């Protein structure tokens, strides 16, 4: 029974989900290479972004918190609805 719940949550068997994620990761990695992006460059850009937030002060942090809250007001209910409809199938 627990295995069925896990498969339902993952959207398939563990092996098939892992293969799909591997394939999608390969496609995303190829697209990133095509665009000249690297994981190191993305990490450094994220680190610069966090540092710039500190430089701007807490007003920027408050604004980003508002963005997250506004996004969550839309994303979380849609995610819950998708999980409910997926559970009914």
N, C-alpha and C. Protein backbone atom coordinates (compact mmCIF):
# COMPACT_ATOMS: atom_id res chain seq x y z
N UNK A 1 0.82 -1.20 0.00
CA UNK A 1 0.00 0.00 0.00
C UNK A 1 0.86 1.26 0.00
N UNK A 2 1.92 1.28 0.81
CA UNK A 2 2.79 2.45 0.86
C UNK A 2 3.49 2.66 -0.47
N UNK A 3 3.85 1.56 -1.14
CA UNK A 3 4.51 1.66 -2.42
C UNK A 3 3.59 2.31 -3.45
N UNK A 4 2.31 1.98 -3.42
CA UNK A 4 1.34 2.60 -4.33
C UNK A 4 1.20 4.09 -4.07
N UNK A 5 1.22 4.49 -2.81
CA UNK A 5 1.14 5.91 -2.48
C UNK A 5 2.37 6.66 -3.00
N UNK A 6 3.53 6.05 -2.85
CA UNK A 6 4.76 6.68 -3.33
C UNK A 6 4.72 6.81 -4.85
N UNK A 7 4.30 5.75 -5.53
CA UNK A 7 4.21 5.81 -6.99
C UNK A 7 3.20 6.84 -7.44
N UNK A 8 2.10 6.95 -6.74
CA UNK A 8 1.09 7.94 -7.09
C UNK A 8 1.65 9.35 -6.89
N UNK A 9 2.39 9.55 -5.80
CA UNK A 9 2.98 10.87 -5.54
C UNK A 9 4.04 11.22 -6.58
N UNK A 10 4.90 10.26 -6.92
CA UNK A 10 5.97 10.52 -7.88
C UNK A 10 5.46 10.60 -9.31
N UNK A 11 4.35 9.98 -9.60
CA UNK A 11 3.82 9.97 -10.96
C UNK A 11 4.26 8.74 -11.73
N UNK A 12 4.67 7.71 -11.06
CA UNK A 12 5.13 6.47 -11.70
C UNK A 12 6.09 5.75 -10.79
N UNK A 13 6.64 4.68 -11.32
CA UNK A 13 7.59 3.94 -10.51
C UNK A 13 8.87 4.74 -10.33
N UNK A 14 9.60 4.44 -9.29
CA UNK A 14 10.82 5.18 -8.96
C UNK A 14 11.81 5.14 -10.13
N UNK A 15 11.99 3.98 -10.73
CA UNK A 15 12.94 3.84 -11.83
C UNK A 15 12.52 4.68 -13.04
N UNK A 16 11.24 4.65 -13.39
CA UNK A 16 10.80 5.43 -14.55
C UNK A 16 10.92 6.93 -14.28
N UNK A 17 10.64 7.35 -13.06
CA UNK A 17 10.78 8.77 -12.71
C UNK A 17 12.25 9.18 -12.77
N UNK A 18 13.13 8.32 -12.27
CA UNK A 18 14.56 8.63 -12.32
C UNK A 18 15.06 8.72 -13.76
N UNK A 19 14.58 7.85 -14.64
CA UNK A 19 14.99 7.89 -16.04
C UNK A 19 14.48 9.17 -16.70
N UNK A 20 13.22 9.53 -16.42
CA UNK A 20 12.67 10.77 -16.99
C UNK A 20 13.45 11.99 -16.51
N UNK A 21 13.76 12.02 -15.20
CA UNK A 21 14.52 13.15 -14.67
C UNK A 21 15.92 13.21 -15.26
N UNK A 22 16.54 12.06 -15.47
CA UNK A 22 17.86 12.02 -16.09
C UNK A 22 17.80 12.58 -17.51
N UNK A 23 16.79 12.18 -18.28
CA UNK A 23 16.64 12.65 -19.65
C UNK A 23 16.37 14.16 -19.69
N UNK A 24 15.49 14.64 -18.83
CA UNK A 24 15.20 16.07 -18.78
C UNK A 24 16.43 16.85 -18.34
N UNK A 25 17.19 16.31 -17.38
CA UNK A 25 18.42 16.96 -16.94
C UNK A 25 19.42 17.06 -18.08
N UNK A 26 19.49 16.02 -18.90
CA UNK A 26 20.38 16.04 -20.06
C UNK A 26 19.96 17.13 -21.04
N UNK A 27 18.66 17.23 -21.31
CA UNK A 27 18.17 18.26 -22.22
C UNK A 27 18.43 19.67 -21.69
N UNK A 28 18.18 19.87 -20.41
CA UNK A 28 18.41 21.19 -19.80
C UNK A 28 19.90 21.51 -19.81
N UNK A 29 20.73 20.53 -19.50
CA UNK A 29 22.17 20.75 -19.53
C UNK A 29 22.66 21.11 -20.92
N UNK A 30 22.13 20.45 -21.95
CA UNK A 30 22.51 20.76 -23.32
C UNK A 30 22.05 22.17 -23.70
N UNK A 31 20.85 22.54 -23.28
CA UNK A 31 20.35 23.89 -23.57
C UNK A 31 21.21 24.94 -22.87
N UNK A 32 21.60 24.66 -21.62
CA UNK A 32 22.46 25.59 -20.89
C UNK A 32 23.81 25.73 -21.59
N UNK A 33 24.37 24.61 -22.05
CA UNK A 33 25.65 24.67 -22.75
C UNK A 33 25.50 25.46 -24.05
N UNK A 34 24.39 25.27 -24.75
CA UNK A 34 24.14 26.01 -25.99
C UNK A 34 24.07 27.50 -25.74
N UNK A 35 23.48 27.89 -24.60
CA UNK A 35 23.35 29.30 -24.26
C UNK A 35 24.59 29.87 -23.58
N UNK A 36 25.58 29.01 -23.33
CA UNK A 36 26.81 29.46 -22.71
C UNK A 36 26.71 29.63 -21.21
N UNK A 37 25.76 28.96 -20.60
CA UNK A 37 25.60 29.03 -19.14
C UNK A 37 26.28 27.84 -18.50
N UNK A 38 26.79 28.06 -17.31
CA UNK A 38 27.39 26.96 -16.57
C UNK A 38 26.85 27.00 -15.14
N UNK A 39 26.86 25.86 -14.46
CA UNK A 39 26.39 25.86 -13.07
C UNK A 39 27.18 26.84 -12.20
N UNK A 40 28.49 26.92 -12.43
CA UNK A 40 29.31 27.84 -11.64
C UNK A 40 28.87 29.29 -11.88
N UNK A 41 28.63 29.65 -13.13
CA UNK A 41 28.20 31.02 -13.43
C UNK A 41 26.85 31.32 -12.80
N UNK A 42 25.94 30.35 -12.83
CA UNK A 42 24.63 30.56 -12.20
C UNK A 42 24.75 30.73 -10.70
N UNK A 43 25.62 29.92 -10.09
CA UNK A 43 25.83 30.02 -8.64
C UNK A 43 26.43 31.37 -8.29
N UNK A 44 27.41 31.81 -9.08
CA UNK A 44 28.05 33.10 -8.81
C UNK A 44 27.06 34.24 -9.00
N UNK A 45 26.19 34.15 -10.00
CA UNK A 45 25.17 35.18 -10.20
C UNK A 45 24.19 35.21 -9.03
N UNK A 46 23.82 34.03 -8.53
CA UNK A 46 22.92 33.98 -7.36
C UNK A 46 23.61 34.57 -6.14
N UNK A 47 24.89 34.28 -5.97
CA UNK A 47 25.63 34.83 -4.83
C UNK A 47 25.74 36.36 -4.94
N UNK A 48 25.98 36.87 -6.14
CA UNK A 48 26.02 38.33 -6.34
C UNK A 48 24.67 38.95 -6.03
N UNK A 49 23.61 38.25 -6.42
CA UNK A 49 22.26 38.75 -6.17
C UNK A 49 22.00 38.85 -4.66
N UNK A 50 22.39 37.81 -3.92
CA UNK A 50 22.18 37.82 -2.47
C UNK A 50 23.01 38.93 -1.83
N UNK A 51 24.26 39.11 -2.30
CA UNK A 51 25.10 40.19 -1.77
C UNK A 51 24.49 41.55 -2.07
N UNK A 52 23.95 41.72 -3.27
CA UNK A 52 23.35 43.01 -3.62
C UNK A 52 22.12 43.29 -2.78
N UNK A 53 21.41 42.24 -2.39
CA UNK A 53 20.27 42.44 -1.48
C UNK A 53 20.73 43.02 -0.16
N UNK A 54 21.83 42.49 0.34
CA UNK A 54 22.38 43.02 1.58
C UNK A 54 22.83 44.46 1.43
N UNK A 55 23.38 44.79 0.26
CA UNK A 55 23.84 46.15 0.01
C UNK A 55 22.66 47.13 -0.10
N UNK A 56 21.55 46.67 -0.64
CA UNK A 56 20.40 47.54 -0.80
C UNK A 56 19.66 47.78 0.51
N UNK A 57 19.80 46.88 1.43
CA UNK A 57 19.11 47.01 2.70
C UNK A 57 17.90 46.09 2.76
N UNK A 58 17.18 46.21 3.84
CA UNK A 58 16.08 45.29 4.08
C UNK A 58 14.82 45.64 3.30
N UNK A 59 14.77 46.82 2.69
CA UNK A 59 13.62 47.16 1.85
C UNK A 59 13.50 46.21 0.67
N UNK A 60 14.67 45.85 0.12
CA UNK A 60 14.67 44.91 -1.00
C UNK A 60 14.22 43.53 -0.54
N UNK A 61 14.64 43.13 0.64
CA UNK A 61 14.23 41.84 1.18
C UNK A 61 12.72 41.81 1.39
N UNK A 62 12.18 42.91 1.88
CA UNK A 62 10.73 43.00 2.09
C UNK A 62 10.00 42.90 0.74
N UNK A 63 10.54 43.57 -0.29
CA UNK A 63 9.91 43.53 -1.60
C UNK A 63 9.95 42.13 -2.19
N UNK A 64 11.05 41.44 -2.03
CA UNK A 64 11.15 40.07 -2.53
C UNK A 64 10.20 39.16 -1.76
N UNK A 65 10.07 39.39 -0.46
CA UNK A 65 9.11 38.63 0.33
C UNK A 65 7.69 38.84 -0.18
N UNK A 66 7.38 40.05 -0.59
CA UNK A 66 6.06 40.32 -1.15
C UNK A 66 5.89 39.60 -2.48
N UNK A 67 6.93 39.54 -3.29
CA UNK A 67 6.86 38.80 -4.55
C UNK A 67 6.59 37.33 -4.30
N UNK A 68 7.31 36.78 -3.31
CA UNK A 68 7.14 35.37 -2.98
C UNK A 68 5.72 35.12 -2.49
N UNK A 69 5.23 35.98 -1.64
CA UNK A 69 3.87 35.82 -1.13
C UNK A 69 2.84 35.93 -2.24
N UNK A 70 3.00 36.90 -3.13
CA UNK A 70 2.07 37.05 -4.25
C UNK A 70 2.10 35.82 -5.15
N UNK A 71 3.29 35.30 -5.42
CA UNK A 71 3.40 34.10 -6.25
C UNK A 71 2.79 32.90 -5.55
N UNK A 72 3.02 32.80 -4.24
CA UNK A 72 2.50 31.66 -3.49
C UNK A 72 0.97 31.67 -3.45
N UNK A 73 0.38 32.85 -3.46
CA UNK A 73 -1.08 32.93 -3.47
C UNK A 73 -1.67 32.31 -4.73
N UNK A 74 -0.91 32.28 -5.79
CA UNK A 74 -1.38 31.66 -7.03
C UNK A 74 -0.88 30.23 -7.16
N UNK A 75 0.38 30.01 -6.86
CA UNK A 75 1.00 28.71 -7.11
C UNK A 75 0.51 27.63 -6.15
N UNK A 76 0.43 27.92 -4.87
CA UNK A 76 0.07 26.89 -3.88
C UNK A 76 -1.33 26.34 -4.12
N UNK A 77 -2.36 27.17 -4.31
CA UNK A 77 -3.68 26.59 -4.59
C UNK A 77 -3.72 25.77 -5.88
N UNK A 78 -3.02 26.25 -6.92
CA UNK A 78 -2.99 25.47 -8.17
C UNK A 78 -2.30 24.14 -7.97
N UNK A 79 -1.23 24.15 -7.18
CA UNK A 79 -0.51 22.90 -6.91
C UNK A 79 -1.41 21.95 -6.12
N UNK A 80 -2.10 22.47 -5.10
CA UNK A 80 -2.99 21.62 -4.31
C UNK A 80 -4.10 21.05 -5.18
N UNK A 81 -4.67 21.87 -6.06
CA UNK A 81 -5.72 21.37 -6.95
C UNK A 81 -5.19 20.29 -7.88
N UNK A 82 -3.99 20.49 -8.39
CA UNK A 82 -3.42 19.46 -9.28
C UNK A 82 -3.19 18.17 -8.53
N UNK A 83 -2.75 18.24 -7.27
CA UNK A 83 -2.54 17.03 -6.48
C UNK A 83 -3.87 16.35 -6.17
N UNK A 84 -4.91 17.15 -5.91
CA UNK A 84 -6.22 16.56 -5.62
C UNK A 84 -6.78 15.85 -6.85
N UNK A 85 -6.68 16.50 -8.02
CA UNK A 85 -7.17 15.87 -9.24
C UNK A 85 -6.34 14.65 -9.61
N UNK A 86 -5.04 14.69 -9.33
CA UNK A 86 -4.19 13.54 -9.62
C UNK A 86 -4.53 12.37 -8.69
N UNK A 87 -4.92 12.68 -7.45
CA UNK A 87 -5.25 11.63 -6.50
C UNK A 87 -6.58 10.95 -6.86
N UNK A 88 -7.46 11.67 -7.52
CA UNK A 88 -8.76 11.09 -7.87
C UNK A 88 -8.67 10.12 -9.02
N UNK A 89 -7.63 10.22 -9.81
CA UNK A 89 -7.49 9.29 -10.97
C UNK A 89 -7.05 7.94 -10.56
